[in-house]
Protein backbone atom coordinates (compact mmCIF):
# COMPACT_ATOMS: atom_id res chain seq x y z
CA MET A 1 -0.34 0.19 -0.13
CA ARG A 2 1.14 3.55 -0.81
CA ALA A 3 -0.16 6.64 0.85
CA VAL A 4 0.51 10.24 -0.13
CA VAL A 5 -0.38 12.07 3.05
CA GLN A 6 -1.15 15.98 3.88
CA ARG A 7 -1.56 17.73 6.23
CA VAL A 8 -4.78 20.09 6.06
CA THR A 9 -6.47 22.65 7.58
CA GLU A 10 -9.65 21.43 5.97
CA ALA A 11 -10.34 19.18 3.25
CA SER A 12 -14.11 17.96 0.82
CA VAL A 13 -14.38 15.16 -2.00
CA GLN A 14 -17.44 15.77 -4.22
CA VAL A 15 -18.81 13.49 -6.61
CA ALA A 16 -21.00 14.64 -9.24
CA GLY A 17 -21.33 18.35 -7.73
CA SER A 18 -22.08 16.38 -4.27
CA VAL A 19 -19.96 16.58 -1.06
CA VAL A 20 -19.53 12.87 -0.07
CA GLY A 21 -16.66 13.61 2.64
CA GLN A 22 -15.12 16.10 4.49
CA ILE A 23 -13.26 17.32 7.55
CA GLY A 24 -13.59 21.00 8.41
CA GLU A 25 -11.25 21.15 10.71
CA PRO A 26 -7.26 20.18 11.04
CA GLY A 27 -6.21 16.60 10.12
CA LEU A 28 -4.78 14.47 7.47
CA CYS A 29 -6.02 13.94 3.72
CA VAL A 30 -4.64 10.62 2.50
CA LEU A 31 -4.71 9.61 -1.23
CA LEU A 32 -4.31 5.72 -1.00
CA GLY A 33 -2.98 3.39 -3.37
CA VAL A 34 -3.86 -0.37 -3.45
CA THR A 35 -1.13 -2.84 -5.17
CA HIS A 36 -1.66 -6.71 -5.85
CA ALA A 37 0.33 -8.15 -3.16
CA ASP A 38 -1.61 -6.02 -0.51
CA THR A 39 -3.48 -7.70 2.06
CA ASP A 40 -6.01 -7.31 4.73
CA GLN A 41 -2.92 -6.88 7.39
CA HIS A 42 -1.16 -4.30 5.07
CA ALA A 43 -4.61 -2.19 5.20
CA ARG A 44 -4.57 -2.53 9.27
CA ARG A 45 -0.66 -1.57 9.37
CA MET A 46 -1.35 1.55 7.41
CA ALA A 47 -4.52 2.40 9.64
CA GLU A 48 -2.14 2.01 12.33
CA LYS A 49 0.69 4.22 11.00
CA LEU A 50 -1.99 7.20 9.48
CA TRP A 51 -3.70 7.61 13.12
CA THR A 52 0.01 7.70 15.03
CA LEU A 53 2.15 9.38 12.50
CA ARG A 54 3.15 12.57 14.31
CA ILE A 55 3.11 15.14 11.66
CA LEU A 56 0.37 17.91 13.00
CA ASP A 57 1.19 21.04 14.46
CA GLY A 58 3.60 20.01 17.77
CA GLU A 59 4.78 16.59 16.30
CA LYS A 60 1.24 15.55 17.22
CA SER A 61 -0.76 12.64 15.37
CA CYS A 62 -4.56 12.36 14.97
CA ALA A 63 -4.60 9.77 17.93
CA ASP A 64 -2.97 12.65 20.18
CA LEU A 65 -5.53 15.31 19.03
CA ASP A 66 -8.72 13.41 18.00
CA ALA A 67 -8.20 14.85 14.49
CA PRO A 68 -10.13 13.82 11.61
CA LEU A 69 -8.74 11.96 8.29
CA LEU A 70 -10.00 12.03 5.04
CA LEU A 71 -9.42 8.77 3.29
CA VAL A 72 -9.29 8.76 -0.85
CA SER A 73 -8.70 5.66 -2.88
CA GLN A 74 -6.34 6.67 -5.85
CA PHE A 75 -4.85 3.78 -7.88
CA THR A 76 -2.64 6.57 -9.86
CA LEU A 77 -0.50 6.08 -6.82
CA TYR A 78 1.07 2.97 -9.01
CA GLY A 79 1.14 4.58 -11.99
CA ASP A 80 4.59 3.88 -13.82
CA VAL A 81 5.93 6.61 -16.22
CA ARG A 82 9.13 5.46 -16.58
CA LYS A 83 8.74 3.99 -20.24
CA GLY A 84 7.17 6.46 -22.99
CA ARG A 85 4.82 9.10 -22.36
CA ARG A 86 1.74 6.78 -21.27
CA PRO A 87 1.20 5.84 -17.35
CA SER A 88 0.89 1.76 -16.82
CA TRP A 89 -0.94 0.92 -14.31
CA SER A 90 -0.48 -2.70 -14.26
CA ALA A 91 1.08 -1.87 -10.58
CA ALA A 92 -2.47 -0.94 -9.33
CA ALA A 93 -4.58 -3.83 -7.92
CA PRO A 94 -8.25 -4.18 -10.00
CA GLY A 95 -11.09 -2.83 -8.71
CA PRO A 96 -12.32 -6.09 -6.89
CA VAL A 97 -8.89 -6.21 -5.03
CA ALA A 98 -8.18 -2.54 -4.28
CA GLU A 99 -11.50 -1.62 -2.97
CA PRO A 100 -12.52 -3.91 0.13
CA LEU A 101 -8.89 -3.27 1.16
CA VAL A 102 -9.44 0.37 1.23
CA GLU A 103 -12.44 -0.21 3.28
CA VAL A 104 -10.41 -2.51 5.40
CA THR A 105 -8.32 0.61 5.84
CA ALA A 106 -11.28 2.80 6.68
CA ALA A 107 -12.96 0.35 9.20
CA ALA A 108 -9.64 -0.48 10.80
CA LEU A 109 -8.89 3.84 11.47
CA ARG A 110 -12.77 3.70 13.37
CA GLU A 111 -11.68 0.93 15.03
CA LEU A 112 -8.96 2.99 16.53
CA GLY A 113 -11.56 5.63 17.13
CA ALA A 114 -10.62 7.88 14.10
CA ARG A 115 -13.06 10.52 12.67
CA VAL A 116 -12.83 8.98 8.94
CA ALA A 117 -14.61 10.54 6.04
CA THR A 118 -13.96 8.93 2.58
CA GLY A 119 -14.46 9.31 -1.01
CA ALA A 120 -16.00 7.10 -3.11
CA PHE A 121 -14.34 4.14 -4.64
CA GLY A 122 -14.02 4.24 -8.72
CA ALA A 123 -16.31 7.59 -8.92
CA GLN A 124 -14.93 10.66 -10.55
CA MET A 125 -14.21 12.61 -7.61
CA LYS A 126 -12.99 16.60 -7.09
CA VAL A 127 -10.48 16.63 -4.42
CA ALA A 128 -10.10 20.11 -2.47
CA LEU A 129 -7.81 20.67 0.47
CA VAL A 130 -6.09 23.47 1.69
CA ASN A 131 -2.30 21.86 2.81
CA ASP A 132 -1.02 23.18 5.90
CA GLY A 133 2.69 23.84 5.73
CA PRO A 134 2.42 22.71 3.24
CA PHE A 135 3.26 19.63 4.20
CA THR A 136 3.44 16.02 2.38
CA VAL A 137 4.71 12.26 3.18
CA ILE A 138 4.60 9.59 1.27
CA VAL A 139 3.88 6.39 3.25
CA GLU A 140 4.64 3.04 1.96
CA ILE A 141 3.67 -0.45 3.81
């Protein structure tokens, strides 16, 4: 699993003009990609890492501050552009594999006590955010 994690002051996801997920306070916006070898165990480890990642103000985590997370699936994180001019998506897990693992990640975050908003898997989404810092890291499990 691969995640692009951004510290934000607010973030939202729209599908067809309607907001499907949002956080209106400081927290994390997480773009989450899944590859073929990922498992439920990877999803749970990712959730734990995201919940305890100390990148909020004062080197605090979402767990420390009860800060929310916006979790958005993004298969393009496994795009490969090393050859040619068109990305190859072969490393990205197909929807039937990836969607349940994104759901396991969200559920594991909630089990840890996180307030989690999500996008809509497979939908054409518009993600809006205010990056705080800016602060962006890549997490791989």
